[in-house]
ModelCIF file with pLDDT and N, C-alpha, C, O atoms, coordinates in Angstrom:
data_MODEL
#
_entry.id   MODEL 
#
_entity.id                         1 
_entity.type                       polymer 
_entity.pdbx_number_of_molecules   1 
#
_entity_poly.entity_id                      1 
_entity_poly.type                           'polypeptide(L)' 
_entity_poly.nstd_linkage                   no 
_entity_poly.nstd_monomer                   no 
_entity_poly.pdbx_seq_one_letter_code       PAYISDRDGDSHYDLLSAFQKSIRGSDVNAALYYLGMLIH 
_entity_poly.pdbx_seq_one_letter_code_can   PAYISDRDGDSHYDLLSAFQKSIRGSDVNAALYYLGMLIH 
_entity_poly.pdbx_strand_id                 A 
#
loop_
_entity_poly_seq.entity_id 
_entity_poly_seq.num 
_entity_poly_seq.mon_id 
_entity_poly_seq.hetero 
1 1  PRO n 
1 2  ALA n 
1 3  TYR n 
1 4  ILE n 
1 5  SER n 
1 6  ASP n 
1 7  ARG n 
1 8  ASP n 
1 9  GLY n 
1 10 ASP n 
1 11 SER n 
1 12 HIS n 
1 13 TYR n 
1 14 ASP n 
1 15 LEU n 
1 16 LEU n 
1 17 SER n 
1 18 ALA n 
1 19 PHE n 
1 20 GLN n 
1 21 LYS n 
1 22 SER n 
1 23 ILE n 
1 24 ARG n 
1 25 GLY n 
1 26 SER n 
1 27 ASP n 
1 28 VAL n 
1 29 ASN n 
1 30 ALA n 
1 31 ALA n 
1 32 LEU n 
1 33 TYR n 
1 34 TYR n 
1 35 LEU n 
1 36 GLY n 
1 37 MET n 
1 38 LEU n 
1 39 ILE n 
1 40 HIS n 
#
_struct_asym.id          A 
_struct_asym.entity_id   1 
#
loop_
_ma_qa_metric.id 
_ma_qa_metric.mode 
_ma_qa_metric.name 
_ma_qa_metric.software_group_id 
_ma_qa_metric.type 
1 global pLDDT . pLDDT 
2 local  pLDDT . pLDDT 
#
_ma_qa_metric_global.metric_id      1 
_ma_qa_metric_global.metric_value   77.90 
_ma_qa_metric_global.model_id       1 
_ma_qa_metric_global.ordinal_id     1 
#
loop_
_ma_qa_metric_local.label_asym_id 
_ma_qa_metric_local.label_comp_id 
_ma_qa_metric_local.label_seq_id 
_ma_qa_metric_local.metric_id 
_ma_qa_metric_local.metric_value 
_ma_qa_metric_local.model_id 
_ma_qa_metric_local.ordinal_id 
A PRO 1  2 53.00 1 1  
A ALA 2  2 45.00 1 2  
A TYR 3  2 50.00 1 3  
A ILE 4  2 47.00 1 4  
A SER 5  2 52.00 1 5  
A ASP 6  2 49.00 1 6  
A ARG 7  2 50.00 1 7  
A ASP 8  2 48.00 1 8  
A GLY 9  2 47.00 1 9  
A ASP 10 2 53.00 1 10 
A SER 11 2 65.00 1 11 
A HIS 12 2 71.00 1 12 
A TYR 13 2 75.00 1 13 
A ASP 14 2 80.00 1 14 
A LEU 15 2 85.00 1 15 
A LEU 16 2 87.00 1 16 
A SER 17 2 87.00 1 17 
A ALA 18 2 90.00 1 18 
A PHE 19 2 92.00 1 19 
A GLN 20 2 92.00 1 20 
A LYS 21 2 92.00 1 21 
A SER 22 2 92.00 1 22 
A ILE 23 2 93.00 1 23 
A ARG 24 2 92.00 1 24 
A GLY 25 2 90.00 1 25 
A SER 26 2 89.00 1 26 
A ASP 27 2 90.00 1 27 
A VAL 28 2 90.00 1 28 
A ASN 29 2 91.00 1 29 
A ALA 30 2 91.00 1 30 
A ALA 31 2 92.00 1 31 
A LEU 32 2 92.00 1 32 
A TYR 33 2 89.00 1 33 
A TYR 34 2 89.00 1 34 
A LEU 35 2 92.00 1 35 
A GLY 36 2 91.00 1 36 
A MET 37 2 87.00 1 37 
A LEU 38 2 88.00 1 38 
A ILE 39 2 88.00 1 39 
A HIS 40 2 80.00 1 40 
#
loop_
_atom_site.group_PDB 
_atom_site.id 
_atom_site.type_symbol 
_atom_site.label_atom_id 
_atom_site.label_alt_id 
_atom_site.label_comp_id 
_atom_site.label_asym_id 
_atom_site.label_entity_id 
_atom_site.label_seq_id 
_atom_site.pdbx_PDB_ins_code 
_atom_site.Cartn_x 
_atom_site.Cartn_y 
_atom_site.Cartn_z 
_atom_site.occupancy 
_atom_site.B_iso_or_equiv 
_atom_site.pdbx_formal_charge 
_atom_site.auth_seq_id 
_atom_site.auth_comp_id 
_atom_site.auth_asym_id 
_atom_site.auth_atom_id 
_atom_site.pdbx_PDB_model_num 
ATOM 1   N N  . PRO A 1 1  ? 0.822   -1.208 -0.048 1.00 53.00 ? 1  PRO A N  1 
ATOM 2   C CA . PRO A 1 1  ? -0.007  0.008  0.035  1.00 53.00 ? 1  PRO A CA 1 
ATOM 3   C C  . PRO A 1 1  ? 0.833   1.309  0.012  1.00 53.00 ? 1  PRO A C  1 
ATOM 4   O O  . PRO A 1 1  ? 1.897   1.371  0.628  1.00 53.00 ? 1  PRO A O  1 
ATOM 5   N N  . ALA A 1 2  ? 0.375   2.282  -0.659 1.00 45.00 ? 2  ALA A N  1 
ATOM 6   C CA . ALA A 1 2  ? 1.101   3.539  -0.696 1.00 45.00 ? 2  ALA A CA 1 
ATOM 7   C C  . ALA A 1 2  ? 0.885   4.349  0.588  1.00 45.00 ? 2  ALA A C  1 
ATOM 8   O O  . ALA A 1 2  ? 0.429   5.492  0.580  1.00 45.00 ? 2  ALA A O  1 
ATOM 9   N N  . TYR A 1 3  ? 1.259   3.650  1.738  1.00 50.00 ? 3  TYR A N  1 
ATOM 10  C CA . TYR A 1 3  ? 1.203   4.309  3.042  1.00 50.00 ? 3  TYR A CA 1 
ATOM 11  C C  . TYR A 1 3  ? 2.597   4.617  3.452  1.00 50.00 ? 3  TYR A C  1 
ATOM 12  O O  . TYR A 1 3  ? 3.460   3.740  3.423  1.00 50.00 ? 3  TYR A O  1 
ATOM 13  N N  . ILE A 1 4  ? 2.853   5.873  3.844  1.00 47.00 ? 4  ILE A N  1 
ATOM 14  C CA . ILE A 1 4  ? 4.206   6.244  4.222  1.00 47.00 ? 4  ILE A CA 1 
ATOM 15  C C  . ILE A 1 4  ? 4.224   6.712  5.617  1.00 47.00 ? 4  ILE A C  1 
ATOM 16  O O  . ILE A 1 4  ? 3.412   7.553  6.003  1.00 47.00 ? 4  ILE A O  1 
ATOM 17  N N  . SER A 1 5  ? 5.152   6.183  6.418  1.00 52.00 ? 5  SER A N  1 
ATOM 18  C CA . SER A 1 5  ? 5.334   6.597  7.761  1.00 52.00 ? 5  SER A CA 1 
ATOM 19  C C  . SER A 1 5  ? 6.785   6.874  7.966  1.00 52.00 ? 5  SER A C  1 
ATOM 20  O O  . SER A 1 5  ? 7.614   5.964  7.932  1.00 52.00 ? 5  SER A O  1 
ATOM 21  N N  . ASP A 1 6  ? 7.110   8.153  8.183  1.00 49.00 ? 6  ASP A N  1 
ATOM 22  C CA . ASP A 1 6  ? 8.499   8.577  8.438  1.00 49.00 ? 6  ASP A CA 1 
ATOM 23  C C  . ASP A 1 6  ? 8.889   8.183  9.836  1.00 49.00 ? 6  ASP A C  1 
ATOM 24  O O  . ASP A 1 6  ? 8.388   8.746  10.809 1.00 49.00 ? 6  ASP A O  1 
ATOM 25  N N  . ARG A 1 7  ? 9.817   7.179  9.950  1.00 50.00 ? 7  ARG A N  1 
ATOM 26  C CA . ARG A 1 7  ? 10.154  6.702  11.365 1.00 50.00 ? 7  ARG A CA 1 
ATOM 27  C C  . ARG A 1 7  ? 10.778  7.740  12.207 1.00 50.00 ? 7  ARG A C  1 
ATOM 28  O O  . ARG A 1 7  ? 10.835  7.560  13.423 1.00 50.00 ? 7  ARG A O  1 
ATOM 29  N N  . ASP A 1 8  ? 11.261  8.832  11.655 1.00 48.00 ? 8  ASP A N  1 
ATOM 30  C CA . ASP A 1 8  ? 11.801  9.847  12.503 1.00 48.00 ? 8  ASP A CA 1 
ATOM 31  C C  . ASP A 1 8  ? 10.842  11.022 12.549 1.00 48.00 ? 8  ASP A C  1 
ATOM 32  O O  . ASP A 1 8  ? 11.187  12.069 13.098 1.00 48.00 ? 8  ASP A O  1 
ATOM 33  N N  . GLY A 1 9  ? 9.661   10.882 11.995 1.00 47.00 ? 9  GLY A N  1 
ATOM 34  C CA . GLY A 1 9  ? 8.700   12.009 11.913 1.00 47.00 ? 9  GLY A CA 1 
ATOM 35  C C  . GLY A 1 9  ? 7.514   11.816 12.794 1.00 47.00 ? 9  GLY A C  1 
ATOM 36  O O  . GLY A 1 9  ? 7.384   10.793 13.467 1.00 47.00 ? 9  GLY A O  1 
ATOM 37  N N  . ASP A 1 10 ? 6.608   12.835 12.794 1.00 53.00 ? 10 ASP A N  1 
ATOM 38  C CA . ASP A 1 10 ? 5.454   12.781 13.625 1.00 53.00 ? 10 ASP A CA 1 
ATOM 39  C C  . ASP A 1 10 ? 4.519   11.626 13.307 1.00 53.00 ? 10 ASP A C  1 
ATOM 40  O O  . ASP A 1 10 ? 3.886   11.104 14.225 1.00 53.00 ? 10 ASP A O  1 
ATOM 41  N N  . SER A 1 11 ? 4.405   11.212 12.094 1.00 65.00 ? 11 SER A N  1 
ATOM 42  C CA . SER A 1 11 ? 3.454   10.133 11.746 1.00 65.00 ? 11 SER A CA 1 
ATOM 43  C C  . SER A 1 11 ? 3.709   8.810  12.358 1.00 65.00 ? 11 SER A C  1 
ATOM 44  O O  . SER A 1 11 ? 2.780   8.069  12.678 1.00 65.00 ? 11 SER A O  1 
ATOM 45  N N  . HIS A 1 12 ? 5.014   8.486  12.535 1.00 71.00 ? 12 HIS A N  1 
ATOM 46  C CA . HIS A 1 12 ? 5.392   7.255  13.176 1.00 71.00 ? 12 HIS A CA 1 
ATOM 47  C C  . HIS A 1 12 ? 5.088   7.290  14.666 1.00 71.00 ? 12 HIS A C  1 
ATOM 48  O O  . HIS A 1 12 ? 4.597   6.313  15.231 1.00 71.00 ? 12 HIS A O  1 
ATOM 49  N N  . TYR A 1 13 ? 5.386   8.431  15.305 1.00 75.00 ? 13 TYR A N  1 
ATOM 50  C CA . TYR A 1 13 ? 5.092   8.516  16.707 1.00 75.00 ? 13 TYR A CA 1 
ATOM 51  C C  . TYR A 1 13 ? 3.598   8.659  16.996 1.00 75.00 ? 13 TYR A C  1 
ATOM 52  O O  . TYR A 1 13 ? 3.126   8.289  18.072 1.00 75.00 ? 13 TYR A O  1 
ATOM 53  N N  . ASP A 1 14 ? 2.850   9.206  16.012 1.00 80.00 ? 14 ASP A N  1 
ATOM 54  C CA . ASP A 1 14 ? 1.396   9.182  16.132 1.00 80.00 ? 14 ASP A CA 1 
ATOM 55  C C  . ASP A 1 14 ? 0.867   7.772  16.197 1.00 80.00 ? 14 ASP A C  1 
ATOM 56  O O  . ASP A 1 14 ? -0.026  7.470  16.989 1.00 80.00 ? 14 ASP A O  1 
ATOM 57  N N  . LEU A 1 15 ? 1.439   6.870  15.331 1.00 85.00 ? 15 LEU A N  1 
ATOM 58  C CA . LEU A 1 15 ? 1.043   5.460  15.327 1.00 85.00 ? 15 LEU A CA 1 
ATOM 59  C C  . LEU A 1 15 ? 1.360   4.789  16.641 1.00 85.00 ? 15 LEU A C  1 
ATOM 60  O O  . LEU A 1 15 ? 0.519   4.062  17.170 1.00 85.00 ? 15 LEU A O  1 
ATOM 61  N N  . LEU A 1 16 ? 2.541   5.004  17.186 1.00 87.00 ? 16 LEU A N  1 
ATOM 62  C CA . LEU A 1 16 ? 2.910   4.429  18.502 1.00 87.00 ? 16 LEU A CA 1 
ATOM 63  C C  . LEU A 1 16 ? 1.984   4.941  19.574 1.00 87.00 ? 16 LEU A C  1 
ATOM 64  O O  . LEU A 1 16 ? 1.583   4.178  20.454 1.00 87.00 ? 16 LEU A O  1 
ATOM 65  N N  . SER A 1 17 ? 1.635   6.197  19.529 1.00 87.00 ? 17 SER A N  1 
ATOM 66  C CA . SER A 1 17 ? 0.791   6.797  20.493 1.00 87.00 ? 17 SER A CA 1 
ATOM 67  C C  . SER A 1 17 ? -0.653  6.189  20.448 1.00 87.00 ? 17 SER A C  1 
ATOM 68  O O  . SER A 1 17 ? -1.275  5.848  21.453 1.00 87.00 ? 17 SER A O  1 
ATOM 69  N N  . ALA A 1 18 ? -1.102  6.097  19.185 1.00 90.00 ? 18 ALA A N  1 
ATOM 70  C CA . ALA A 1 18 ? -2.472  5.539  19.053 1.00 90.00 ? 18 ALA A CA 1 
ATOM 71  C C  . ALA A 1 18 ? -2.519  4.059  19.441 1.00 90.00 ? 18 ALA A C  1 
ATOM 72  O O  . ALA A 1 18 ? -3.520  3.553  19.947 1.00 90.00 ? 18 ALA A O  1 
ATOM 73  N N  . PHE A 1 19 ? -1.375  3.381  19.177 1.00 92.00 ? 19 PHE A N  1 
ATOM 74  C CA . PHE A 1 19 ? -1.297  1.942  19.575 1.00 92.00 ? 19 PHE A CA 1 
ATOM 75  C C  . PHE A 1 19 ? -1.422  1.758  21.028 1.00 92.00 ? 19 PHE A C  1 
ATOM 76  O O  . PHE A 1 19 ? -2.185  0.916  21.503 1.00 92.00 ? 19 PHE A O  1 
ATOM 77  N N  . GLN A 1 20 ? -0.611  2.608  21.813 1.00 92.00 ? 20 GLN A N  1 
ATOM 78  C CA . GLN A 1 20 ? -0.695  2.503  23.308 1.00 92.00 ? 20 GLN A CA 1 
ATOM 79  C C  . GLN A 1 20 ? -2.052  2.894  23.821 1.00 92.00 ? 20 GLN A C  1 
ATOM 80  O O  . GLN A 1 20 ? -2.633  2.196  24.652 1.00 92.00 ? 20 GLN A O  1 
ATOM 81  N N  . LYS A 1 21 ? -2.557  3.991  23.340 1.00 92.00 ? 21 LYS A N  1 
ATOM 82  C CA . LYS A 1 21 ? -3.864  4.467  23.819 1.00 92.00 ? 21 LYS A CA 1 
ATOM 83  C C  . LYS A 1 21 ? -4.981  3.477  23.554 1.00 92.00 ? 21 LYS A C  1 
ATOM 84  O O  . LYS A 1 21 ? -5.872  3.303  24.386 1.00 92.00 ? 21 LYS A O  1 
ATOM 85  N N  . SER A 1 22 ? -4.940  2.827  22.399 1.00 92.00 ? 22 SER A N  1 
ATOM 86  C CA . SER A 1 22 ? -5.962  1.823  22.115 1.00 92.00 ? 22 SER A CA 1 
ATOM 87  C C  . SER A 1 22 ? -5.904  0.652  23.090 1.00 92.00 ? 22 SER A C  1 
ATOM 88  O O  . SER A 1 22 ? -6.924  0.148  23.560 1.00 92.00 ? 22 SER A O  1 
ATOM 89  N N  . ILE A 1 23 ? -4.646  0.235  23.380 1.00 93.00 ? 23 ILE A N  1 
ATOM 90  C CA . ILE A 1 23 ? -4.539  -0.856 24.387 1.00 93.00 ? 23 ILE A CA 1 
ATOM 91  C C  . ILE A 1 23 ? -4.990  -0.406 25.773 1.00 93.00 ? 23 ILE A C  1 
ATOM 92  O O  . ILE A 1 23 ? -5.681  -1.135 26.485 1.00 93.00 ? 23 ILE A O  1 
ATOM 93  N N  . ARG A 1 24 ? -4.581  0.822  26.146 1.00 92.00 ? 24 ARG A N  1 
ATOM 94  C CA . ARG A 1 24 ? -4.996  1.376  27.402 1.00 92.00 ? 24 ARG A CA 1 
ATOM 95  C C  . ARG A 1 24 ? -6.527  1.550  27.507 1.00 92.00 ? 24 ARG A C  1 
ATOM 96  O O  . ARG A 1 24 ? -7.100  1.404  28.587 1.00 92.00 ? 24 ARG A O  1 
ATOM 97  N N  . GLY A 1 25 ? -7.167  1.858  26.386 1.00 90.00 ? 25 GLY A N  1 
ATOM 98  C CA . GLY A 1 25 ? -8.590  2.051  26.308 1.00 90.00 ? 25 GLY A CA 1 
ATOM 99  C C  . GLY A 1 25 ? -9.386  0.755  26.030 1.00 90.00 ? 25 GLY A C  1 
ATOM 100 O O  . GLY A 1 25 ? -10.607 0.787  25.876 1.00 90.00 ? 25 GLY A O  1 
ATOM 101 N N  . SER A 1 26 ? -8.653  -0.405 25.967 1.00 89.00 ? 26 SER A N  1 
ATOM 102 C CA . SER A 1 26 ? -9.296  -1.738 25.782 1.00 89.00 ? 26 SER A CA 1 
ATOM 103 C C  . SER A 1 26 ? -10.069 -1.876 24.491 1.00 89.00 ? 26 SER A C  1 
ATOM 104 O O  . SER A 1 26 ? -11.063 -2.600 24.422 1.00 89.00 ? 26 SER A O  1 
ATOM 105 N N  . ASP A 1 27 ? -9.603  -1.171 23.458 1.00 90.00 ? 27 ASP A N  1 
ATOM 106 C CA . ASP A 1 27 ? -10.196 -1.316 22.099 1.00 90.00 ? 27 ASP A CA 1 
ATOM 107 C C  . ASP A 1 27 ? -9.379  -2.258 21.271 1.00 90.00 ? 27 ASP A C  1 
ATOM 108 O O  . ASP A 1 27 ? -8.435  -1.852 20.592 1.00 90.00 ? 27 ASP A O  1 
ATOM 109 N N  . VAL A 1 28 ? -9.746  -3.547 21.327 1.00 90.00 ? 28 VAL A N  1 
ATOM 110 C CA . VAL A 1 28 ? -8.864  -4.593 20.741 1.00 90.00 ? 28 VAL A CA 1 
ATOM 111 C C  . VAL A 1 28 ? -8.709  -4.435 19.253 1.00 90.00 ? 28 VAL A C  1 
ATOM 112 O O  . VAL A 1 28 ? -7.635  -4.709 18.718 1.00 90.00 ? 28 VAL A O  1 
ATOM 113 N N  . ASN A 1 29 ? -9.786  -3.984 18.540 1.00 91.00 ? 29 ASN A N  1 
ATOM 114 C CA . ASN A 1 29 ? -9.715  -3.872 17.106 1.00 91.00 ? 29 ASN A CA 1 
ATOM 115 C C  . ASN A 1 29 ? -8.865  -2.727 16.649 1.00 91.00 ? 29 ASN A C  1 
ATOM 116 O O  . ASN A 1 29 ? -8.160  -2.853 15.648 1.00 91.00 ? 29 ASN A O  1 
ATOM 117 N N  . ALA A 1 30 ? -8.900  -1.597 17.351 1.00 91.00 ? 30 ALA A N  1 
ATOM 118 C CA . ALA A 1 30 ? -8.033  -0.499 17.110 1.00 91.00 ? 30 ALA A CA 1 
ATOM 119 C C  . ALA A 1 30 ? -6.593  -0.869 17.365 1.00 91.00 ? 30 ALA A C  1 
ATOM 120 O O  . ALA A 1 30 ? -5.703  -0.549 16.577 1.00 91.00 ? 30 ALA A O  1 
ATOM 121 N N  . ALA A 1 31 ? -6.360  -1.591 18.545 1.00 92.00 ? 31 ALA A N  1 
ATOM 122 C CA . ALA A 1 31 ? -4.967  -1.965 18.914 1.00 92.00 ? 31 ALA A CA 1 
ATOM 123 C C  . ALA A 1 31 ? -4.355  -2.824 17.842 1.00 92.00 ? 31 ALA A C  1 
ATOM 124 O O  . ALA A 1 31 ? -3.180  -2.681 17.505 1.00 92.00 ? 31 ALA A O  1 
ATOM 125 N N  . LEU A 1 32 ? -5.168  -3.729 17.301 1.00 92.00 ? 32 LEU A N  1 
ATOM 126 C CA . LEU A 1 32 ? -4.654  -4.642 16.180 1.00 92.00 ? 32 LEU A CA 1 
ATOM 127 C C  . LEU A 1 32 ? -4.410  -3.905 15.022 1.00 92.00 ? 32 LEU A C  1 
ATOM 128 O O  . LEU A 1 32 ? -3.409  -4.169 14.355 1.00 92.00 ? 32 LEU A O  1 
ATOM 129 N N  . TYR A 1 33 ? -5.245  -2.942 14.653 1.00 89.00 ? 33 TYR A N  1 
ATOM 130 C CA . TYR A 1 33 ? -5.030  -2.115 13.473 1.00 89.00 ? 33 TYR A CA 1 
ATOM 131 C C  . TYR A 1 33 ? -3.731  -1.393 13.543 1.00 89.00 ? 33 TYR A C  1 
ATOM 132 O O  . TYR A 1 33 ? -2.936  -1.477 12.608 1.00 89.00 ? 33 TYR A O  1 
ATOM 133 N N  . TYR A 1 34 ? -3.478  -0.693 14.598 1.00 89.00 ? 34 TYR A N  1 
ATOM 134 C CA . TYR A 1 34 ? -2.236  0.061  14.761 1.00 89.00 ? 34 TYR A CA 1 
ATOM 135 C C  . TYR A 1 34 ? -1.003  -0.810 14.842 1.00 89.00 ? 34 TYR A C  1 
ATOM 136 O O  . TYR A 1 34 ? 0.090   -0.445 14.409 1.00 89.00 ? 34 TYR A O  1 
ATOM 137 N N  . LEU A 1 35 ? -1.239  -2.019 15.436 1.00 92.00 ? 35 LEU A N  1 
ATOM 138 C CA . LEU A 1 35 ? -0.133  -2.979 15.394 1.00 92.00 ? 35 LEU A CA 1 
ATOM 139 C C  . LEU A 1 35 ? 0.215   -3.375 13.988 1.00 92.00 ? 35 LEU A C  1 
ATOM 140 O O  . LEU A 1 35 ? 1.396   -3.479 13.657 1.00 92.00 ? 35 LEU A O  1 
ATOM 141 N N  . GLY A 1 36 ? -0.793  -3.606 13.128 1.00 91.00 ? 36 GLY A N  1 
ATOM 142 C CA . GLY A 1 36 ? -0.546  -3.934 11.728 1.00 91.00 ? 36 GLY A CA 1 
ATOM 143 C C  . GLY A 1 36 ? 0.138   -2.832 11.035 1.00 91.00 ? 36 GLY A C  1 
ATOM 144 O O  . GLY A 1 36 ? 0.989   -3.100 10.187 1.00 91.00 ? 36 GLY A O  1 
ATOM 145 N N  . MET A 1 37 ? -0.169  -1.577 11.331 1.00 87.00 ? 37 MET A N  1 
ATOM 146 C CA . MET A 1 37 ? 0.469   -0.455 10.643 1.00 87.00 ? 37 MET A CA 1 
ATOM 147 C C  . MET A 1 37 ? 1.998   -0.415 11.028 1.00 87.00 ? 37 MET A C  1 
ATOM 148 O O  . MET A 1 37 ? 2.888   -0.146 10.221 1.00 87.00 ? 37 MET A O  1 
ATOM 149 N N  . LEU A 1 38 ? 2.193   -0.713 12.352 1.00 88.00 ? 38 LEU A N  1 
ATOM 150 C CA . LEU A 1 38 ? 3.612   -0.681 12.835 1.00 88.00 ? 38 LEU A CA 1 
ATOM 151 C C  . LEU A 1 38 ? 4.428   -1.853 12.236 1.00 88.00 ? 38 LEU A C  1 
ATOM 152 O O  . LEU A 1 38 ? 5.611   -1.721 11.920 1.00 88.00 ? 38 LEU A O  1 
ATOM 153 N N  . ILE A 1 39 ? 3.734   -3.007 12.097 1.00 88.00 ? 39 ILE A N  1 
ATOM 154 C CA . ILE A 1 39 ? 4.423   -4.109 11.477 1.00 88.00 ? 39 ILE A CA 1 
ATOM 155 C C  . ILE A 1 39 ? 4.766   -3.816 10.042 1.00 88.00 ? 39 ILE A C  1 
ATOM 156 O O  . ILE A 1 39 ? 5.817   -4.212 9.537  1.00 88.00 ? 39 ILE A O  1 
ATOM 157 N N  . HIS A 1 40 ? 3.851   -3.106 9.384  1.00 80.00 ? 40 HIS A N  1 
ATOM 158 C CA . HIS A 1 40 ? 4.130   -2.732 7.990  1.00 80.00 ? 40 HIS A CA 1 
ATOM 159 C C  . HIS A 1 40 ? 5.342   -1.839 7.841  1.00 80.00 ? 40 HIS A C  1 
ATOM 160 O O  . HIS A 1 40 ? 5.688   -1.450 6.726  1.00 80.00 ? 40 HIS A O  1 
#
């Protein structure tokens, strides 16, 4: 997919932040989605 995440930029840290907040908020589907983006 033409998804770009600059690992040194805001978009990558936004993903990590959303990943943690989704786990903290017990939203399993969101947590898995952001995990997939980070794996990508």
